[in-house]
Amino acid sequence: MKNDEIKLSASNFLFYALNSYTNTNIVDIEEFNDDIKRFKYLRKLLNKYRKSGDIQIHLVINHFIVSFNVFTPKECTKMMMFKLADHLDIVKPILVFLNRWPNSTVDGIDGLKPFKGSDIKSDEKIVTLIKERYKTNEKF
C-alpha cells in the first residue's frame, strides 16, 4: 500500500514514516528514531513560541530542512501537518519559504478536516522574521 493511500494517524505514523524514509546512510535504528524525535522537538519549539513569542527561526527552519532531507517531501509535509496540526499558521510560512506548502486540498490526516492550503492564514510575526532573516519577497 502506498503512503498516499493511507490516512495518516497516530496508530500508523511510524509505519508511514518508515515507508517515507530516504536516509540511505542510516547506521542503526537510533538514527531513524532521532529523525522521528525531530517532529516532537519542533512541536516543543512552536509551543514555546505560542507561549512566549520567542522563536529561533533559523533553528526551526534547519529542523524542517533536515526532515525534508531524510523523508520524501510530500510525505514529510503531511507528517509535519499531522504532528504540528495546532500550529499550521506557523508552519505555513516556513513551508512556503521552503517551497513545500501544498496549494491543493490537503486530505488524509486524522484529526484534520480536508482543507485548501490557501485557507490557512500565516502567522505574521513568522513571515516578518523569515523576510528579515532571509531577505526574501516570497508571498506568504
N, C-alpha and C. Protein backbone atom coordinates (compact mmCIF):
# COMPACT_ATOMS: atom_id res chain seq x y z
N MET A 1 0.85 -1.18 0.00
CA MET A 1 0.00 0.00 0.00
C MET A 1 0.89 1.24 0.00
N LYS A 2 0.57 2.18 -0.86
CA LYS A 2 1.33 3.43 -0.95
C LYS A 2 0.90 4.38 0.15
N ASN A 3 1.84 5.25 0.55
CA ASN A 3 1.54 6.21 1.61
C ASN A 3 0.41 7.15 1.25
N ASP A 4 0.27 7.51 -0.04
CA ASP A 4 -0.79 8.46 -0.40
C ASP A 4 -2.18 7.81 -0.31
N GLU A 5 -2.22 6.50 -0.11
CA GLU A 5 -3.50 5.81 0.07
C GLU A 5 -3.84 5.63 1.55
N ILE A 6 -2.92 6.00 2.42
CA ILE A 6 -3.08 5.80 3.86
C ILE A 6 -3.54 7.09 4.52
N LYS A 7 -4.55 6.99 5.38
CA LYS A 7 -4.94 8.13 6.21
C LYS A 7 -3.98 8.16 7.38
N LEU A 8 -3.18 9.20 7.47
CA LEU A 8 -2.16 9.31 8.50
C LEU A 8 -2.81 9.49 9.86
N SER A 9 -2.41 8.66 10.82
CA SER A 9 -2.96 8.71 12.17
C SER A 9 -1.87 8.36 13.17
N ALA A 10 -2.18 8.51 14.44
CA ALA A 10 -1.22 8.18 15.49
C ALA A 10 -0.85 6.70 15.45
N SER A 11 -1.80 5.85 15.10
CA SER A 11 -1.54 4.41 15.11
C SER A 11 -0.66 3.94 13.96
N ASN A 12 -0.60 4.71 12.87
CA ASN A 12 0.22 4.26 11.74
C ASN A 12 1.36 5.24 11.41
N PHE A 13 1.59 6.21 12.28
CA PHE A 13 2.60 7.23 11.99
C PHE A 13 3.98 6.63 11.75
N LEU A 14 4.42 5.73 12.59
CA LEU A 14 5.76 5.13 12.44
C LEU A 14 5.87 4.32 11.15
N PHE A 15 4.82 3.58 10.81
CA PHE A 15 4.79 2.83 9.56
C PHE A 15 4.89 3.79 8.37
N TYR A 16 4.11 4.85 8.43
CA TYR A 16 4.11 5.87 7.37
C TYR A 16 5.49 6.50 7.24
N ALA A 17 6.08 6.85 8.38
CA ALA A 17 7.41 7.49 8.38
C ALA A 17 8.46 6.53 7.83
N LEU A 18 8.41 5.28 8.22
CA LEU A 18 9.38 4.30 7.74
C LEU A 18 9.27 4.12 6.23
N ASN A 19 8.06 4.11 5.71
CA ASN A 19 7.85 3.99 4.26
C ASN A 19 8.31 5.23 3.51
N SER A 20 8.43 6.35 4.22
CA SER A 20 8.83 7.61 3.60
C SER A 20 10.30 7.93 3.82
N TYR A 21 10.97 7.10 4.57
CA TYR A 21 12.35 7.37 4.97
C TYR A 21 13.30 7.16 3.81
N THR A 22 14.14 8.15 3.55
CA THR A 22 15.05 8.08 2.40
C THR A 22 16.52 8.14 2.79
N ASN A 23 16.80 8.14 4.07
CA ASN A 23 18.18 8.24 4.53
C ASN A 23 18.91 6.93 4.23
N THR A 24 19.70 6.92 3.17
CA THR A 24 20.40 5.69 2.76
C THR A 24 21.68 5.47 3.55
N ASN A 25 22.09 6.45 4.33
CA ASN A 25 23.31 6.33 5.13
C ASN A 25 23.02 5.92 6.57
N ILE A 26 21.85 5.41 6.82
CA ILE A 26 21.47 5.06 8.18
C ILE A 26 22.38 3.95 8.71
N VAL A 27 22.83 4.12 9.93
CA VAL A 27 23.72 3.16 10.57
C VAL A 27 22.93 2.19 11.44
N ASP A 28 21.96 2.72 12.20
CA ASP A 28 21.14 1.88 13.06
C ASP A 28 19.78 2.53 13.27
N ILE A 29 18.92 1.83 13.96
CA ILE A 29 17.55 2.30 14.17
C ILE A 29 17.51 3.59 14.98
N GLU A 30 18.55 3.85 15.77
CA GLU A 30 18.60 5.07 16.58
C GLU A 30 18.58 6.32 15.70
N GLU A 31 19.20 6.25 14.54
CA GLU A 31 19.18 7.41 13.62
C GLU A 31 17.76 7.70 13.17
N PHE A 32 17.03 6.64 12.82
CA PHE A 32 15.63 6.81 12.43
C PHE A 32 14.84 7.40 13.60
N ASN A 33 15.03 6.86 14.79
CA ASN A 33 14.33 7.38 15.97
C ASN A 33 14.66 8.84 16.22
N ASP A 34 15.91 9.23 16.03
CA ASP A 34 16.30 10.64 16.19
C ASP A 34 15.58 11.52 15.18
N ASP A 35 15.44 11.03 13.95
CA ASP A 35 14.74 11.80 12.93
C ASP A 35 13.25 11.93 13.27
N ILE A 36 12.68 10.90 13.86
CA ILE A 36 11.28 10.95 14.30
C ILE A 36 11.13 11.94 15.46
N LYS A 37 12.09 11.95 16.37
CA LYS A 37 12.04 12.84 17.53
C LYS A 37 12.07 14.31 17.11
N ARG A 38 12.57 14.58 15.93
CA ARG A 38 12.64 15.96 15.44
C ARG A 38 11.24 16.59 15.37
N PHE A 39 10.22 15.79 15.04
CA PHE A 39 8.84 16.30 14.99
C PHE A 39 8.39 16.75 16.38
N LYS A 40 8.73 15.95 17.39
CA LYS A 40 8.39 16.30 18.78
C LYS A 40 9.14 17.56 19.21
N TYR A 41 10.40 17.65 18.84
CA TYR A 41 11.20 18.82 19.19
C TYR A 41 10.65 20.08 18.51
N LEU A 42 10.24 19.95 17.26
CA LEU A 42 9.64 21.09 16.57
C LEU A 42 8.36 21.53 17.27
N ARG A 43 7.55 20.58 17.67
CA ARG A 43 6.31 20.92 18.38
C ARG A 43 6.65 21.67 19.67
N LYS A 44 7.68 21.23 20.35
CA LYS A 44 8.11 21.89 21.59
C LYS A 44 8.54 23.34 21.31
N LEU A 45 9.31 23.54 20.24
CA LEU A 45 9.75 24.89 19.87
C LEU A 45 8.57 25.78 19.50
N LEU A 46 7.60 25.22 18.78
CA LEU A 46 6.44 26.01 18.37
C LEU A 46 5.52 26.29 19.56
N ASN A 47 5.41 25.34 20.48
CA ASN A 47 4.64 25.61 21.71
C ASN A 47 5.28 26.73 22.51
N LYS A 48 6.60 26.73 22.59
CA LYS A 48 7.32 27.79 23.30
C LYS A 48 7.03 29.13 22.64
N TYR A 49 7.05 29.17 21.31
CA TYR A 49 6.75 30.40 20.59
C TYR A 49 5.33 30.88 20.91
N ARG A 50 4.37 29.96 20.93
CA ARG A 50 2.98 30.32 21.25
C ARG A 50 2.88 30.96 22.62
N LYS A 51 3.61 30.42 23.59
CA LYS A 51 3.52 30.90 24.97
C LYS A 51 4.31 32.18 25.20
N SER A 52 5.51 32.26 24.62
CA SER A 52 6.40 33.38 24.96
C SER A 52 6.56 34.41 23.84
N GLY A 53 6.28 34.02 22.61
CA GLY A 53 6.50 34.92 21.49
C GLY A 53 7.94 34.89 20.99
N ASP A 54 8.77 34.07 21.64
CA ASP A 54 10.18 33.95 21.24
C ASP A 54 10.36 32.71 20.37
N ILE A 55 11.15 32.88 19.32
CA ILE A 55 11.45 31.75 18.45
C ILE A 55 12.81 31.96 17.80
N GLN A 56 13.55 30.89 17.70
CA GLN A 56 14.81 30.91 16.98
C GLN A 56 14.49 30.39 15.58
N ILE A 57 14.11 31.29 14.70
CA ILE A 57 13.58 30.91 13.39
C ILE A 57 14.59 30.11 12.58
N HIS A 58 15.85 30.45 12.69
CA HIS A 58 16.86 29.72 11.93
C HIS A 58 16.94 28.26 12.40
N LEU A 59 16.90 28.05 13.70
CA LEU A 59 16.92 26.70 14.26
C LEU A 59 15.70 25.90 13.80
N VAL A 60 14.53 26.51 13.86
CA VAL A 60 13.31 25.84 13.45
C VAL A 60 13.39 25.46 11.97
N ILE A 61 13.79 26.39 11.14
CA ILE A 61 13.89 26.11 9.70
C ILE A 61 14.91 25.01 9.43
N ASN A 62 16.01 25.01 10.16
CA ASN A 62 17.01 23.94 9.99
C ASN A 62 16.42 22.57 10.30
N HIS A 63 15.59 22.48 11.33
CA HIS A 63 14.96 21.20 11.65
C HIS A 63 14.00 20.77 10.55
N PHE A 64 13.30 21.72 9.97
CA PHE A 64 12.43 21.40 8.84
C PHE A 64 13.27 20.87 7.68
N ILE A 65 14.36 21.54 7.36
CA ILE A 65 15.21 21.14 6.24
C ILE A 65 15.78 19.74 6.45
N VAL A 66 16.27 19.47 7.66
CA VAL A 66 16.81 18.13 7.94
C VAL A 66 15.72 17.08 7.73
N SER A 67 14.52 17.36 8.18
CA SER A 67 13.42 16.40 8.00
C SER A 67 13.15 16.15 6.52
N PHE A 68 13.16 17.22 5.73
CA PHE A 68 12.93 17.05 4.29
C PHE A 68 14.10 16.33 3.60
N ASN A 69 15.26 16.33 4.23
CA ASN A 69 16.41 15.62 3.68
C ASN A 69 16.37 14.12 3.95
N VAL A 70 15.57 13.68 4.92
CA VAL A 70 15.55 12.26 5.25
C VAL A 70 14.21 11.58 4.98
N PHE A 71 13.16 12.37 4.69
CA PHE A 71 11.86 11.82 4.32
C PHE A 71 11.48 12.37 2.95
N THR A 72 10.68 11.61 2.21
CA THR A 72 10.23 12.12 0.92
C THR A 72 9.41 13.39 1.16
N PRO A 73 9.59 14.41 0.32
CA PRO A 73 8.99 15.73 0.58
C PRO A 73 7.48 15.73 0.78
N LYS A 74 6.73 15.09 -0.09
CA LYS A 74 5.27 15.11 0.02
C LYS A 74 4.82 14.48 1.35
N GLU A 75 5.40 13.34 1.68
CA GLU A 75 5.04 12.65 2.91
C GLU A 75 5.54 13.41 4.14
N CYS A 76 6.70 14.03 4.03
CA CYS A 76 7.22 14.82 5.14
C CYS A 76 6.29 15.99 5.44
N THR A 77 5.80 16.64 4.41
CA THR A 77 4.85 17.73 4.59
C THR A 77 3.61 17.23 5.33
N LYS A 78 3.11 16.09 4.91
CA LYS A 78 1.92 15.51 5.55
C LYS A 78 2.21 15.16 7.01
N MET A 79 3.39 14.61 7.28
CA MET A 79 3.75 14.28 8.66
C MET A 79 3.89 15.54 9.51
N MET A 80 4.46 16.60 8.92
CA MET A 80 4.56 17.88 9.63
C MET A 80 3.17 18.39 9.99
N MET A 81 2.26 18.34 9.04
CA MET A 81 0.90 18.82 9.28
C MET A 81 0.21 18.00 10.35
N PHE A 82 0.45 16.69 10.36
CA PHE A 82 -0.16 15.83 11.36
C PHE A 82 0.41 16.14 12.75
N LYS A 83 1.72 16.16 12.87
CA LYS A 83 2.36 16.35 14.17
C LYS A 83 2.27 17.79 14.68
N LEU A 84 2.12 18.75 13.77
CA LEU A 84 2.10 20.16 14.14
C LEU A 84 0.75 20.81 13.80
N ALA A 85 -0.31 20.03 13.84
CA ALA A 85 -1.64 20.49 13.41
C ALA A 85 -2.11 21.73 14.15
N ASP A 86 -1.73 21.88 15.41
CA ASP A 86 -2.14 23.04 16.19
C ASP A 86 -1.35 24.29 15.83
N HIS A 87 -0.39 24.15 14.96
CA HIS A 87 0.50 25.27 14.63
C HIS A 87 0.58 25.52 13.12
N LEU A 88 -0.45 25.18 12.39
CA LEU A 88 -0.39 25.32 10.93
C LEU A 88 -0.15 26.76 10.49
N ASP A 89 -0.62 27.72 11.29
CA ASP A 89 -0.37 29.12 10.93
C ASP A 89 1.11 29.48 11.03
N ILE A 90 1.85 28.78 11.87
CA ILE A 90 3.30 28.98 12.00
C ILE A 90 4.03 28.14 10.96
N VAL A 91 3.55 26.94 10.74
CA VAL A 91 4.17 26.01 9.80
C VAL A 91 4.05 26.53 8.36
N LYS A 92 2.91 27.13 8.04
CA LYS A 92 2.68 27.55 6.65
C LYS A 92 3.78 28.47 6.10
N PRO A 93 4.13 29.58 6.76
CA PRO A 93 5.15 30.43 6.15
C PRO A 93 6.51 29.75 6.02
N ILE A 94 6.81 28.83 6.93
CA ILE A 94 8.08 28.10 6.83
C ILE A 94 8.05 27.19 5.61
N LEU A 95 6.94 26.46 5.44
CA LEU A 95 6.84 25.56 4.29
C LEU A 95 6.72 26.34 2.97
N VAL A 96 6.08 27.48 3.00
CA VAL A 96 6.04 28.33 1.79
C VAL A 96 7.46 28.75 1.43
N PHE A 97 8.21 29.20 2.43
CA PHE A 97 9.60 29.61 2.22
C PHE A 97 10.43 28.46 1.65
N LEU A 98 10.18 27.24 2.11
CA LEU A 98 10.93 26.07 1.64
C LEU A 98 10.31 25.45 0.38
N ASN A 99 9.28 26.11 -0.13
CA ASN A 99 8.58 25.65 -1.34
C ASN A 99 7.99 24.26 -1.15
N ARG A 100 7.39 24.02 0.02
CA ARG A 100 6.80 22.73 0.35
C ARG A 100 5.34 22.83 0.77
N TRP A 101 4.78 24.03 0.80
CA TRP A 101 3.38 24.19 1.20
C TRP A 101 2.48 23.79 0.05
N PRO A 102 1.52 22.90 0.29
CA PRO A 102 0.64 22.46 -0.80
C PRO A 102 -0.39 23.52 -1.18
N ASN A 103 -0.58 23.70 -2.46
CA ASN A 103 -1.60 24.61 -2.96
C ASN A 103 -2.91 23.88 -3.19
N SER A 104 -2.85 22.56 -3.23
CA SER A 104 -4.05 21.76 -3.46
C SER A 104 -4.72 21.45 -2.12
N THR A 105 -5.79 20.69 -2.20
CA THR A 105 -6.51 20.29 -0.99
C THR A 105 -5.69 19.26 -0.22
N VAL A 106 -5.58 19.48 1.07
CA VAL A 106 -4.88 18.56 1.96
C VAL A 106 -5.92 17.64 2.59
N ASP A 107 -5.71 16.34 2.44
CA ASP A 107 -6.66 15.36 2.94
C ASP A 107 -5.88 14.15 3.45
N GLY A 108 -6.53 13.31 4.20
CA GLY A 108 -5.90 12.07 4.64
C GLY A 108 -5.08 12.20 5.91
N ILE A 109 -5.41 13.20 6.72
CA ILE A 109 -4.72 13.38 8.00
C ILE A 109 -5.76 13.29 9.11
N ASP A 110 -5.61 12.29 9.96
CA ASP A 110 -6.54 12.09 11.06
C ASP A 110 -6.56 13.32 11.96
N GLY A 111 -7.75 13.77 12.29
CA GLY A 111 -7.91 14.93 13.16
C GLY A 111 -8.01 16.25 12.42
N LEU A 112 -7.76 16.24 11.12
CA LEU A 112 -7.87 17.46 10.32
C LEU A 112 -8.90 17.25 9.21
N LYS A 113 -9.85 18.15 9.14
CA LYS A 113 -10.78 18.10 8.02
C LYS A 113 -10.02 18.51 6.77
N PRO A 114 -10.40 17.99 5.60
CA PRO A 114 -9.73 18.43 4.37
C PRO A 114 -9.78 19.95 4.25
N PHE A 115 -8.68 20.54 3.81
CA PHE A 115 -8.61 21.99 3.66
C PHE A 115 -7.70 22.33 2.50
N LYS A 116 -7.91 23.53 1.96
CA LYS A 116 -7.03 24.04 0.92
C LYS A 116 -5.88 24.77 1.60
N GLY A 117 -4.70 24.63 1.05
CA GLY A 117 -3.53 25.31 1.61
C GLY A 117 -3.74 26.80 1.75
N SER A 118 -4.48 27.38 0.81
CA SER A 118 -4.72 28.83 0.83
C SER A 118 -5.68 29.24 1.95
N ASP A 119 -6.38 28.28 2.56
CA ASP A 119 -7.32 28.59 3.64
C ASP A 119 -6.63 28.89 4.96
N ILE A 120 -5.38 28.49 5.10
CA ILE A 120 -4.64 28.70 6.35
C ILE A 120 -3.96 30.06 6.30
N LYS A 121 -4.20 30.87 7.32
CA LYS A 121 -3.55 32.18 7.43
C LYS A 121 -2.14 31.99 8.02
N SER A 122 -1.20 32.78 7.55
CA SER A 122 0.18 32.72 8.05
C SER A 122 0.35 33.62 9.26
N ASP A 123 1.10 33.13 10.24
CA ASP A 123 1.48 33.94 11.39
C ASP A 123 2.36 35.09 10.90
N GLU A 124 1.90 36.31 11.11
CA GLU A 124 2.60 37.48 10.56
C GLU A 124 3.99 37.70 11.15
N LYS A 125 4.17 37.37 12.42
CA LYS A 125 5.50 37.53 13.02
C LYS A 125 6.50 36.57 12.37
N ILE A 126 6.07 35.36 12.10
CA ILE A 126 6.95 34.38 11.45
C ILE A 126 7.27 34.86 10.04
N VAL A 127 6.28 35.36 9.33
CA VAL A 127 6.51 35.90 7.98
C VAL A 127 7.56 37.00 8.03
N THR A 128 7.40 37.93 8.96
CA THR A 128 8.35 39.04 9.10
C THR A 128 9.75 38.53 9.42
N LEU A 129 9.85 37.59 10.35
CA LEU A 129 11.16 37.04 10.72
C LEU A 129 11.84 36.38 9.52
N ILE A 130 11.09 35.62 8.74
CA ILE A 130 11.66 34.95 7.56
C ILE A 130 12.10 35.99 6.53
N LYS A 131 11.25 36.98 6.30
CA LYS A 131 11.61 38.02 5.32
C LYS A 131 12.86 38.78 5.74
N GLU A 132 12.96 39.11 7.01
CA GLU A 132 14.13 39.86 7.50
C GLU A 132 15.38 38.99 7.50
N ARG A 133 15.26 37.78 7.99
CA ARG A 133 16.43 36.90 8.13
C ARG A 133 16.98 36.44 6.78
N TYR A 134 16.07 36.12 5.86
CA TYR A 134 16.49 35.51 4.59
C TYR A 134 16.33 36.43 3.39
N LYS A 135 15.98 37.69 3.64
CA LYS A 135 15.89 38.70 2.57
C LYS A 135 15.08 38.18 1.38
N THR A 136 13.89 37.73 1.67
CA THR A 136 13.02 37.18 0.63
C THR A 136 11.78 38.04 0.46
N ASN A 137 11.25 38.04 -0.74
CA ASN A 137 9.99 38.73 -1.03
C ASN A 137 8.88 37.72 -1.33
N GLU A 138 9.08 36.52 -0.83
CA GLU A 138 8.11 35.44 -1.03
C GLU A 138 6.72 35.90 -0.58
N LYS A 139 5.69 35.45 -1.29
CA LYS A 139 4.31 35.75 -0.91
C LYS A 139 3.82 34.64 0.00
N PHE A 140 3.50 35.03 1.23
CA PHE A 140 3.10 34.05 2.24
C PHE A 140 1.59 34.05 2.38
